[in-house]
C-alpha atoms as a PDB file:
ATOM      1  CA  MET A   1      23.773 123.791 -31.850  1.00  0.00           C
ATOM      2  CA  ALA A   2      25.359 123.685 -28.367  1.00  0.00           C
ATOM      3  CA  LEU A   3      23.194 126.638 -27.286  1.00  0.00           C
ATOM      4  CA  LEU A   4      20.072 124.809 -28.456  1.00  0.00           C
ATOM      5  CA  ASP A   5      21.112 121.644 -26.604  1.00  0.00           C
ATOM      6  CA  ARG A   6      21.594 123.575 -23.357  1.00  0.00           C
ATOM      7  CA  ALA A   7      18.254 125.329 -23.866  1.00  0.00           C
ATOM      8  CA  ILE A   8      16.543 121.943 -24.156  1.00  0.00           C
ATOM      9  CA  VAL A   9      18.174 120.837 -20.897  1.00  0.00           C
ATOM     10  CA  ARG A  10      16.997 123.948 -19.023  1.00  0.00           C
ATOM     11  CA  VAL A  11      13.340 123.324 -19.841  1.00  0.00           C
ATOM     12  CA  LEU A  12      13.387 119.565 -19.151  1.00  0.00           C
ATOM     13  CA  PRO A  13      12.209 119.739 -15.502  1.00  0.00           C
ATOM     14  CA  ALA A  14       9.134 121.679 -16.665  1.00  0.00           C
ATOM     15  CA  VAL A  15       8.260 119.139 -19.347  1.00  0.00           C
ATOM     16  CA  PRO A  16       5.285 116.924 -18.333  1.00  0.00           C
ATOM     17  CA  ARG A  17       6.198 113.327 -17.474  1.00  0.00           C
ATOM     18  CA  PRO A  18       4.175 111.890 -20.403  1.00  0.00           C
ATOM     19  CA  VAL A  19       6.240 113.997 -22.820  1.00  0.00           C
ATOM     20  CA  VAL A  20       9.518 112.915 -21.220  1.00  0.00           C
ATOM     21  CA  ARG A  21       8.252 109.333 -21.428  1.00  0.00           C
ATOM     22  CA  ARG A  22       7.587 109.755 -25.129  1.00  0.00           C
ATOM     23  CA  LEU A  23      11.084 111.154 -25.623  1.00  0.00           C
ATOM     24  CA  SER A  24      12.644 108.276 -23.719  1.00  0.00           C
ATOM     25  CA  ASP A  25      10.429 105.396 -24.884  1.00  0.00           C
ATOM     26  CA  ARG A  26      12.765 104.489 -27.687  1.00  0.00           C
ATOM     27  CA  TYR A  27      15.787 104.338 -25.380  1.00  0.00           C
ATOM     28  CA  ILE A  28      14.283 102.723 -22.260  1.00  0.00           C
ATOM     29  CA  ALA A  29      12.539  99.345 -22.393  1.00  0.00           C
ATOM     30  CA  GLY A  30       9.899 100.258 -19.806  1.00  0.00           C
ATOM     31  CA  SER A  31       9.165 100.230 -16.088  1.00  0.00           C
ATOM     32  CA  GLU A  32       8.950  96.500 -15.393  1.00  0.00           C
ATOM     33  CA  ILE A  33      11.004  93.364 -15.995  1.00  0.00           C
ATOM     34  CA  SER A  34       8.265  92.169 -18.365  1.00  0.00           C
ATOM     35  CA  ASP A  35       8.987  95.201 -20.574  1.00  0.00           C
ATOM     36  CA  ALA A  36      12.681  94.345 -20.593  1.00  0.00           C
ATOM     37  CA  VAL A  37      11.948  90.702 -21.429  1.00  0.00           C
ATOM     38  CA  GLY A  38       9.931  91.765 -24.460  1.00  0.00           C
ATOM     39  CA  ALA A  39      12.708  94.062 -25.657  1.00  0.00           C
ATOM     40  CA  VAL A  40      15.397  91.424 -25.181  1.00  0.00           C
ATOM     41  CA  ARG A  41      13.342  88.760 -26.924  1.00  0.00           C
ATOM     42  CA  ARG A  42      12.948  91.003 -29.979  1.00  0.00           C
ATOM     43  CA  LEU A  43      16.686  91.695 -29.979  1.00  0.00           C
ATOM     44  CA  ASN A  44      17.538  88.003 -29.701  1.00  0.00           C
ATOM     45  CA  GLU A  45      15.222  87.199 -32.588  1.00  0.00           C
ATOM     46  CA  ALA A  46      17.143  89.775 -34.635  1.00  0.00           C
ATOM     47  CA  GLY A  47      20.453  88.053 -33.840  1.00  0.00           C
ATOM     48  CA  LYS A  48      21.537  90.450 -31.071  1.00  0.00           C
ATOM     49  CA  LYS A  49      22.494  89.849 -27.453  1.00  0.00           C
ATOM     50  CA  ALA A  50      21.518  92.183 -24.609  1.00  0.00           C
ATOM     51  CA  THR A  51      22.690  93.701 -21.364  1.00  0.00           C
ATOM     52  CA  LEU A  52      20.005  94.535 -18.794  1.00  0.00           C
ATOM     53  CA  ASP A  53      20.453  97.587 -16.593  1.00  0.00           C
ATOM     54  CA  VAL A  54      18.064  98.227 -13.685  1.00  0.00           C
ATOM     55  CA  LEU A  55      17.608 101.987 -13.463  1.00  0.00           C
ATOM     56  CA  GLY A  56      18.547 103.479 -10.129  1.00  0.00           C
ATOM     57  CA  GLU A  57      21.820 105.148  -9.186  1.00  0.00           C
ATOM     58  CA  GLU A  58      23.143 107.520  -6.537  1.00  0.00           C
ATOM     59  CA  ILE A  59      20.786 105.992  -3.968  1.00  0.00           C
ATOM     60  CA  GLU A  60      20.890 107.336  -0.413  1.00  0.00           C
ATOM     61  CA  THR A  61      19.925 104.468   1.901  1.00  0.00           C
ATOM     62  CA  ARG A  62      20.900 100.884   2.652  1.00  0.00           C
ATOM     63  CA  GLU A  63      17.324  99.811   1.955  1.00  0.00           C
ATOM     64  CA  GLU A  64      17.413 101.288  -1.549  1.00  0.00           C
ATOM     65  CA  ALA A  65      20.701  99.521  -2.311  1.00  0.00           C
ATOM     66  CA  LEU A  66      19.290  96.183  -1.178  1.00  0.00           C
ATOM     67  CA  ALA A  67      16.159  96.784  -3.250  1.00  0.00           C
ATOM     68  CA  ILE A  68      18.258  97.375  -6.376  1.00  0.00           C
ATOM     69  CA  ARG A  69      20.185  94.162  -5.672  1.00  0.00           C
ATOM     70  CA  ALA A  70      16.897  92.286  -5.353  1.00  0.00           C
ATOM     71  CA  GLU A  71      15.753  93.653  -8.713  1.00  0.00           C
ATOM     72  CA  TYR A  72      18.943  92.379 -10.323  1.00  0.00           C
ATOM     73  CA  GLU A  73      18.406  88.969  -8.750  1.00  0.00           C
ATOM     74  CA  GLN A  74      14.908  88.950 -10.227  1.00  0.00           C
ATOM     75  CA  ALA A  75      16.283  90.047 -13.611  1.00  0.00           C
ATOM     76  CA  MET A  76      18.820  87.211 -13.727  1.00  0.00           C
ATOM     77  CA  ALA A  77      16.260  84.627 -12.650  1.00  0.00           C
ATOM     78  CA  THR A  78      13.846  85.885 -15.295  1.00  0.00           C
ATOM     79  CA  ILE A  79      16.249  85.911 -18.232  1.00  0.00           C
ATOM     80  CA  GLU A  80      17.293  82.373 -17.298  1.00  0.00           C
ATOM     81  CA  ALA A  81      13.682  81.197 -17.031  1.00  0.00           C
ATOM     82  CA  GLU A  82      12.845  82.835 -20.362  1.00  0.00           C
ATOM     83  CA  GLY A  83      15.933  81.415 -22.072  1.00  0.00           C
ATOM     84  CA  LEU A  84      17.154  84.848 -23.151  1.00  0.00           C
ATOM     85  CA  ASP A  85      20.658  85.706 -24.349  1.00  0.00           C
ATOM     86  CA  ALA A  86      21.439  88.517 -21.924  1.00  0.00           C
ATOM     87  CA  ASN A  87      23.656  89.525 -19.044  1.00  0.00           C
ATOM     88  CA  VAL A  88      23.464  92.432 -16.580  1.00  0.00           C
ATOM     89  CA  SER A  89      25.285  95.693 -15.991  1.00  0.00           C
ATOM     90  CA  VAL A  90      25.408  97.336 -12.555  1.00  0.00           C
ATOM     91  CA  LYS A  91      26.228 100.844 -11.352  1.00  0.00           C
ATOM     92  CA  LEU A  92      27.986 100.931  -8.006  1.00  0.00           C
ATOM     93  CA  THR A  93      26.218 104.064  -6.777  1.00  0.00           C
ATOM     94  CA  GLY A  94      22.965 102.143  -7.197  1.00  0.00           C
ATOM     95  CA  LEU A  95      24.284  99.323  -5.017  1.00  0.00           C
ATOM     96  CA  GLY A  96      25.395 101.537  -2.165  1.00  0.00           C
ATOM     97  CA  LEU A  97      28.855 102.907  -3.016  1.00  0.00           C
ATOM     98  CA  GLY A  98      27.968 106.340  -1.657  1.00  0.00           C
ATOM     99  CA  VAL A  99      26.243 104.923   1.423  1.00  0.00           C
ATOM    100  CA  ASP A 100      28.692 102.245   2.553  1.00  0.00           C
ATOM    101  CA  PRO A 101      31.462 100.840   0.320  1.00  0.00           C
ATOM    102  CA  ALA A 102      31.378  97.554   2.265  1.00  0.00           C
ATOM    103  CA  LEU A 103      27.652  97.210   1.546  1.00  0.00           C
ATOM    104  CA  CYS A 104      28.294  97.908  -2.120  1.00  0.00           C
ATOM    105  CA  ALA A 105      31.042  95.278  -2.278  1.00  0.00           C
ATOM    106  CA  ALA A 106      28.787  92.729  -0.586  1.00  0.00           C
ATOM    107  CA  ASN A 107      25.994  93.443  -3.054  1.00  0.00           C
ATOM    108  CA  VAL A 108      28.225  93.063  -6.109  1.00  0.00           C
ATOM    109  CA  ARG A 109      29.836  89.946  -4.659  1.00  0.00           C
ATOM    110  CA  SER A 110      26.405  88.402  -4.115  1.00  0.00           C
ATOM    111  CA  LEU A 111      25.284  89.241  -7.641  1.00  0.00           C
ATOM    112  CA  ALA A 112      28.501  87.817  -9.107  1.00  0.00           C
ATOM    113  CA  ARG A 113      27.908  84.514  -7.277  1.00  0.00           C
ATOM    114  CA  ASP A 114      24.269  84.416  -8.372  1.00  0.00           C
ATOM    115  CA  ALA A 115      25.260  85.116 -11.979  1.00  0.00           C
ATOM    116  CA  ALA A 116      28.014  82.491 -11.932  1.00  0.00           C
ATOM    117  CA  GLU A 117      25.565  79.832 -10.765  1.00  0.00           C
ATOM    118  CA  ARG A 118      23.385  80.713 -13.750  1.00  0.00           C
ATOM    119  CA  GLY A 119      26.285  80.897 -16.193  1.00  0.00           C
ATOM    120  CA  ARG A 120      25.806  84.660 -16.559  1.00  0.00           C
ATOM    121  CA  PHE A 121      28.107  87.671 -16.681  1.00  0.00           C
ATOM    122  CA  VAL A 122      28.046  90.913 -14.689  1.00  0.00           C
ATOM    123  CA  ARG A 123      29.466  94.162 -16.056  1.00  0.00           C
ATOM    124  CA  ILE A 124      30.499  96.751 -13.468  1.00  0.00           C
ATOM    125  CA  ASP A 125      29.635 100.008 -15.192  1.00  0.00           C
ATOM    126  CA  MET A 126      31.679 103.198 -14.928  1.00  0.00           C
ATOM    127  CA  GLU A 127      30.198 106.461 -13.702  1.00  0.00           C
ATOM    128  CA  ASP A 128      31.731 109.935 -13.417  1.00  0.00           C
ATOM    129  CA  SER A 129      35.406 110.399 -12.580  1.00  0.00           C
ATOM    130  CA  SER A 130      34.750 110.864  -8.854  1.00  0.00           C
ATOM    131  CA  THR A 131      33.991 107.116  -8.660  1.00  0.00           C
ATOM    132  CA  THR A 132      36.618 105.750 -11.072  1.00  0.00           C
ATOM    133  CA  ALA A 133      39.261 104.771  -8.506  1.00  0.00           C
ATOM    134  CA  ALA A 134      36.747 103.112  -6.176  1.00  0.00           C
ATOM    135  CA  THR A 135      35.157 101.224  -9.074  1.00  0.00           C
ATOM    136  CA  LEU A 136      38.469  99.850 -10.335  1.00  0.00           C
ATOM    137  CA  ASP A 137      39.605  98.988  -6.807  1.00  0.00           C
ATOM    138  CA  LEU A 138      36.460  96.939  -6.198  1.00  0.00           C
ATOM    139  CA  TYR A 139      36.774  95.207  -9.560  1.00  0.00           C
ATOM    140  CA  ARG A 140      40.355  94.181  -8.790  1.00  0.00           C
ATOM    141  CA  GLU A 141      39.361  93.037  -5.295  1.00  0.00           C
ATOM    142  CA  LEU A 142      36.567  90.825  -6.597  1.00  0.00           C
ATOM    143  CA  ARG A 143      38.711  89.393  -9.372  1.00  0.00           C
ATOM    144  CA  SER A 144      41.372  88.531  -6.764  1.00  0.00           C
ATOM    145  CA  GLU A 145      38.663  86.562  -4.941  1.00  0.00           C
ATOM    146  CA  GLY A 146      38.118  84.446  -8.054  1.00  0.00           C
ATOM    147  CA  HIS A 147      35.057  86.082  -9.583  1.00  0.00           C
ATOM    148  CA  GLU A 148      35.924  85.523 -13.241  1.00  0.00           C
ATOM    149  CA  ASN A 149      32.459  86.436 -14.547  1.00  0.00           C
ATOM    150  CA  LEU A 150      32.957  90.152 -13.914  1.00  0.00           C
ATOM    151  CA  GLY A 151      33.791  92.824 -16.478  1.00  0.00           C
ATOM    152  CA  ILE A 152      34.635  96.490 -16.219  1.00  0.00           C
ATOM    153  CA  VAL A 153      34.258  99.675 -18.282  1.00  0.00           C
ATOM    154  CA  LEU A 154      36.904 102.212 -19.301  1.00  0.00           C
ATOM    155  CA  GLN A 155      36.121 105.656 -20.696  1.00  0.00           C
ATOM    156  CA  ALA A 156      38.307 106.968 -23.507  1.00  0.00           C
ATOM    157  CA  MET A 157      37.672 110.582 -22.537  1.00  0.00           C
ATOM    158  CA  LEU A 158      39.488 110.227 -19.192  1.00  0.00           C
ATOM    159  CA  ARG A 159      43.185 111.104 -19.186  1.00  0.00           C
ATOM    160  CA  ARG A 160      43.930 108.332 -16.688  1.00  0.00           C
ATOM    161  CA  THR A 161      42.531 105.508 -18.809  1.00  0.00           C
ATOM    162  CA  MET A 162      45.757 104.300 -20.447  1.00  0.00           C
ATOM    163  CA  ASP A 163      47.340 104.085 -16.996  1.00  0.00           C
ATOM    164  CA  ASP A 164      44.330 102.074 -15.850  1.00  0.00           C
ATOM    165  CA  VAL A 165      44.817  99.711 -18.791  1.00  0.00           C
ATOM    166  CA  GLU A 166      48.379  99.040 -17.651  1.00  0.00           C
ATOM    167  CA  GLN A 167      47.107  98.223 -14.155  1.00  0.00           C
ATOM    168  CA  LEU A 168      44.438  95.834 -15.457  1.00  0.00           C
ATOM    169  CA  VAL A 169      46.086  93.883 -18.263  1.00  0.00           C
ATOM    170  CA  GLU A 170      47.522  91.170 -16.002  1.00  0.00           C
ATOM    171  CA  LEU A 171      43.924  90.138 -15.279  1.00  0.00           C
ATOM    172  CA  ARG A 172      43.189  89.654 -19.015  1.00  0.00           C
ATOM    173  CA  PRO A 173      39.957  91.550 -18.350  1.00  0.00           C
ATOM    174  CA  ASN A 174      36.713  91.769 -20.260  1.00  0.00           C
ATOM    175  CA  VAL A 175      36.452  95.527 -20.864  1.00  0.00           C
ATOM    176  CA  ARG A 176      33.766  97.674 -22.388  1.00  0.00           C
ATOM    177  CA  VAL A 177      35.470 100.683 -23.981  1.00  0.00           C
ATOM    178  CA  CYS A 178      33.294 103.755 -24.491  1.00  0.00           C
ATOM    179  CA  LYS A 179      33.862 107.451 -25.027  1.00  0.00           C
ATOM    180  CA  GLY A 180      32.141 108.462 -21.771  1.00  0.00           C
ATOM    181  CA  ILE A 181      29.025 110.604 -21.385  1.00  0.00           C
ATOM    182  CA  TYR A 182      29.775 112.651 -18.278  1.00  0.00           C
ATOM    183  CA  VAL A 183      30.733 116.321 -18.379  1.00  0.00           C
ATOM    184  CA  GLU A 184      34.224 116.249 -16.850  1.00  0.00           C
ATOM    185  CA  PRO A 185      36.765 118.997 -16.083  1.00  0.00           C
ATOM    186  CA  GLY A 186      39.679 119.516 -18.441  1.00  0.00           C
ATOM    187  CA  GLU A 187      42.246 118.274 -15.933  1.00  0.00           C
ATOM    188  CA  ALA A 188      40.450 114.910 -15.782  1.00  0.00           C
ATOM    189  CA  ALA A 189      39.284 114.432 -19.352  1.00  0.00           C
ATOM    190  CA  TYR A 190      40.123 115.166 -22.956  1.00  0.00           C
ATOM    191  CA  GLN A 191      37.726 117.754 -24.340  1.00  0.00           C
ATOM    192  CA  GLY A 192      38.107 117.448 -28.118  1.00  0.00           C
ATOM    193  CA  VAL A 193      36.398 114.842 -30.287  1.00  0.00           C
ATOM    194  CA  GLU A 194      39.614 113.824 -32.056  1.00  0.00           C
ATOM    195  CA  ALA A 195      41.581 113.466 -28.814  1.00  0.00           C
ATOM    196  CA  ILE A 196      38.890 111.173 -27.396  1.00  0.00           C
ATOM    197  CA  ARG A 197      38.794 109.140 -30.586  1.00  0.00           C
ATOM    198  CA  PHE A 198      42.582 108.778 -30.579  1.00  0.00           C
ATOM    199  CA  ASN A 199      42.581 107.565 -26.981  1.00  0.00           C
ATOM    200  CA  PHE A 200      39.702 105.163 -27.718  1.00  0.00           C
ATOM    201  CA  VAL A 201      41.788 103.496 -30.429  1.00  0.00           C
ATOM    202  CA  GLU A 202      44.902 103.410 -28.246  1.00  0.00           C
ATOM    203  CA  VAL A 203      42.951 101.772 -25.416  1.00  0.00           C
ATOM    204  CA  MET A 204      41.413  99.132 -27.702  1.00  0.00           C
ATOM    205  CA  ALA A 205      44.767  98.291 -29.257  1.00  0.00           C
ATOM    206  CA  ALA A 206      46.533  98.009 -25.890  1.00  0.00           C
ATOM    207  CA  LEU A 207      43.834  95.739 -24.472  1.00  0.00           C
ATOM    208  CA  TRP A 208      43.841  93.440 -27.486  1.00  0.00           C
ATOM    209  CA  GLU A 209      47.635  93.329 -27.411  1.00  0.00           C
ATOM    210  CA  ALA A 210      47.409  92.146 -23.789  1.00  0.00           C
ATOM    211  CA  GLY A 211      44.929  89.369 -24.593  1.00  0.00           C
ATOM    212  CA  ALA A 212      41.821  91.058 -23.205  1.00  0.00           C
ATOM    213  CA  LYS A 213      38.316  90.849 -24.608  1.00  0.00           C
ATOM    214  CA  VAL A 214      37.024  94.236 -25.730  1.00  0.00           C
ATOM    215  CA  ALA A 215      33.406  95.322 -26.008  1.00  0.00           C
ATOM    216  CA  VAL A 216      33.527  98.223 -28.466  1.00  0.00           C
ATOM    217  CA  ALA A 217      30.741 100.504 -27.246  1.00  0.00           C
ATOM    218  CA  THR A 218      30.189 103.293 -29.736  1.00  0.00           C
ATOM    219  CA  HIS A 219      27.819 104.629 -32.386  1.00  0.00           C
ATOM    220  CA  ASP A 220      30.661 106.451 -34.139  1.00  0.00           C
ATOM    221  CA  ASP A 221      31.077 105.109 -37.694  1.00  0.00           C
ATOM    222  CA  TRP A 222      34.760 106.040 -37.813  1.00  0.00           C
ATOM    223  CA  LEU A 223      35.524 104.225 -34.578  1.00  0.00           C
ATOM    224  CA  VAL A 224      33.572 101.166 -35.683  1.00  0.00           C
ATOM    225  CA  ALA A 225      35.499 101.070 -38.964  1.00  0.00           C
ATOM    226  CA  THR A 226      38.796 101.496 -37.130  1.00  0.00           C
ATOM    227  CA  ALA A 227      37.905  98.722 -34.670  1.00  0.00           C
ATOM    228  CA  LEU A 228      37.027  96.386 -37.538  1.00  0.00           C
ATOM    229  CA  ALA A 229      40.368  97.160 -39.187  1.00  0.00           C
ATOM    230  CA  LEU A 230      42.238  96.360 -35.950  1.00  0.00           C
ATOM    231  CA  ILE A 231      40.259  93.132 -35.563  1.00  0.00           C
ATOM    232  CA  ASP A 232      41.108  92.057 -39.117  1.00  0.00           C
ATOM    233  CA  GLU A 233      44.745  93.042 -38.699  1.00  0.00           C
ATOM    234  CA  ARG A 234      45.060  90.936 -35.555  1.00  0.00           C
ATOM    235  CA  GLU A 235      42.863  88.121 -36.923  1.00  0.00           C
ATOM    236  CA  LEU A 236      40.826  88.162 -33.729  1.00  0.00           C
ATOM    237  CA  GLY A 237      38.140  85.556 -33.175  1.00  0.00           C
ATOM    238  CA  ARG A 238      34.648  86.498 -32.000  1.00  0.00           C
ATOM    239  CA  GLU A 239      35.567  85.439 -28.472  1.00  0.00           C
ATOM    240  CA  ARG A 240      37.904  88.457 -28.288  1.00  0.00           C
ATOM    241  CA  TYR A 241      35.457  91.239 -29.132  1.00  0.00           C
ATOM    242  CA  GLU A 242      31.883  92.384 -29.554  1.00  0.00           C
ATOM    243  CA  PHE A 243      30.131  95.622 -30.458  1.00  0.00           C
ATOM    244  CA  GLN A 244      27.752  97.303 -28.035  1.00  0.00           C
ATOM    245  CA  LEU A 245      25.101  99.926 -28.739  1.00  0.00           C
ATOM    246  CA  LEU A 246      22.300 101.583 -26.818  1.00  0.00           C
ATOM    247  CA  LEU A 247      18.687 100.490 -27.211  1.00  0.00           C
ATOM    248  CA  GLY A 248      17.009 102.528 -29.945  1.00  0.00           C
ATOM    249  CA  VAL A 249      20.204 104.175 -31.190  1.00  0.00           C
ATOM    250  CA  ARG A 250      21.787 103.442 -34.587  1.00  0.00           C
ATOM    251  CA  GLU A 251      19.730 100.350 -35.258  1.00  0.00           C
ATOM    252  CA  ASP A 252      20.980 100.514 -38.841  1.00  0.00           C
ATOM    253  CA  LEU A 253      24.563 100.118 -37.634  1.00  0.00           C
ATOM    254  CA  ALA A 254      23.642  97.238 -35.328  1.00  0.00           C
ATOM    255  CA  ASP A 255      21.894  95.422 -38.173  1.00  0.00           C
ATOM    256  CA  GLU A 256      24.850  95.984 -40.487  1.00  0.00           C
ATOM    257  CA  LEU A 257      27.273  94.525 -37.937  1.00  0.00           C
ATOM    258  CA  VAL A 258      25.050  91.474 -37.404  1.00  0.00           C
ATOM    259  CA  ARG A 259      24.902  90.901 -41.154  1.00  0.00           C
ATOM    260  CA  GLY A 260      28.689  91.093 -41.181  1.00  0.00           C
ATOM    261  CA  GLY A 261      28.886  88.182 -38.751  1.00  0.00           C
ATOM    262  CA  HIS A 262      29.889  90.204 -35.680  1.00  0.00           C
ATOM    263  CA  THR A 263      28.552  89.823 -32.146  1.00  0.00           C
ATOM    264  CA  VAL A 264      26.308  92.765 -31.232  1.00  0.00           C
ATOM    265  CA  ARG A 265      25.013  93.444 -27.728  1.00  0.00           C
ATOM    266  CA  ILE A 266      22.373  96.078 -26.977  1.00  0.00           C
ATOM    267  CA  TYR A 267      22.233  97.928 -23.664  1.00  0.00           C
ATOM    268  CA  VAL A 268      18.648  97.699 -22.358  1.00  0.00           C
ATOM    269  CA  PRO A 269      17.785  99.976 -19.403  1.00  0.00           C
ATOM    270  CA  TYR A 270      14.481  99.541 -17.589  1.00  0.00           C
ATOM    271  CA  GLY A 271      12.869 100.226 -14.238  1.00  0.00           C
ATOM    272  CA  ARG A 272      10.555 102.440 -12.253  1.00  0.00           C
ATOM    273  CA  LYS A 273      13.257 105.110 -12.004  1.00  0.00           C
ATOM    274  CA  TRP A 274      12.962 105.814 -15.740  1.00  0.00           C
ATOM    275  CA  TYR A 275      11.947 109.467 -15.233  1.00  0.00           C
ATOM    276  CA  GLU A 276      14.844 110.314 -12.914  1.00  0.00           C
ATOM    277  CA  TYR A 277      17.234 108.435 -15.212  1.00  0.00           C
ATOM    278  CA  SER A 278      15.992 110.285 -18.294  1.00  0.00           C
ATOM    279  CA  LEU A 279      16.322 113.715 -16.700  1.00  0.00           C
ATOM    280  CA  ARG A 280      19.742 112.971 -15.210  1.00  0.00           C
ATOM    281  CA  ARG A 281      21.188 111.590 -18.421  1.00  0.00           C
ATOM    282  CA  LEU A 282      19.885 114.464 -20.520  1.00  0.00           C
ATOM    283  CA  GLN A 283      20.975 117.095 -18.004  1.00  0.00           C
ATOM    284  CA  GLU A 284      24.435 115.566 -17.641  1.00  0.00           C
ATOM    285  CA  ASN A 285      24.953 115.589 -21.378  1.00  0.00           C
ATOM    286  CA  PRO A 286      23.324 118.482 -23.288  1.00  0.00           C
ATOM    287  CA  LYS A 287      24.523 117.011 -26.598  1.00  0.00           C
ATOM    288  CA  LEU A 288      22.559 113.851 -25.846  1.00  0.00           C
ATOM    289  CA  ALA A 289      19.479 115.920 -24.989  1.00  0.00           C
ATOM    290  CA  GLY A 290      19.692 117.676 -28.333  1.00  0.00           C
ATOM    291  CA  TYR A 291      20.254 114.408 -30.164  1.00  0.00           C
ATOM    292  CA  VAL A 292      17.234 112.742 -28.561  1.00  0.00           C
ATOM    293  CA  ALA A 293      15.020 115.759 -29.270  1.00  0.00           C
ATOM    294  CA  ARG A 294      16.107 115.989 -32.916  1.00  0.00           C
ATOM    295  CA  ASP A 295      15.825 112.240 -33.429  1.00  0.00           C
ATOM    296  CA  THR A 296      12.317 112.242 -31.948  1.00  0.00           C
ATOM    297  CA  LEU A 297      11.198 115.167 -34.115  1.00  0.00           C
ATOM    298  CA  ARG A 298      12.598 113.457 -37.196  1.00  0.00           C
ATOM    299  CA  ARG A 299      10.572 110.341 -36.433  1.00  0.00           C
ATOM    300  CA  LEU A 300       7.414 112.374 -35.861  1.00  0.00           C
ATOM    301  CA  LYS A 301       7.603 113.998 -39.286  1.00  0.00           C
ATOM    302  CA  PRO A 302       5.005 112.618 -41.733  1.00  0.00           C
END
């Protein structure tokens, strides 16, 4: 199956944009904020919350970084005006981390202030391991300035993550825990499924023990069941956890969790950079490319 996944990745750049769009339609809300609003409204009506992500990362100019910030400002104003239950998630390389770290910090700081005035929350997303230290440093800096409406992400696949937990717990952070989607070298990341699962559970448990709120971001049935067992064991209230899933993925699981009385938040990406995002995500993770292709073919069967 791995060979097939890699074969799919190799042919992606030659696939016509309309075909890539069809492959990604289920997982990306659309190109415009109006598309995202429609997706979030449907999720809210189904008892789910949302996180909006404006597509655009690894930008190369100051102007691009400021444009992404402006799109987030528009997104927050729109979800407030529409009365939607949603927050936003930002990637630092989209806000200028690779261009000028000071510019990036200023952009995130501005968005945090804007969100706070609207009673909203901003999640600083995690990218590949080359940006982990800078991302955590900026998060700690902004929290030290009093920005309480900021959250962070930790990836269970990274070997450093438990050490990062120890450095963060004094902040009683709001942390999304995920496996991680980037292809990382063995010295930086665990390579086996079971090792990543084990670390995921250890990270969740340590964060809950320290009083943090944990967003359990996974589509893995075993991890969901294990998280629910830890929640029951600790008698955690809904203010201490939620489950997060990607738009269009494992809708059955999301519905089941909602029926069980748990908070579910769906990650909703949108924007005019949908094509670049789709190719990058699929090329970075051949397993994901294979999954999307197989899932699409299954849905096309009569």
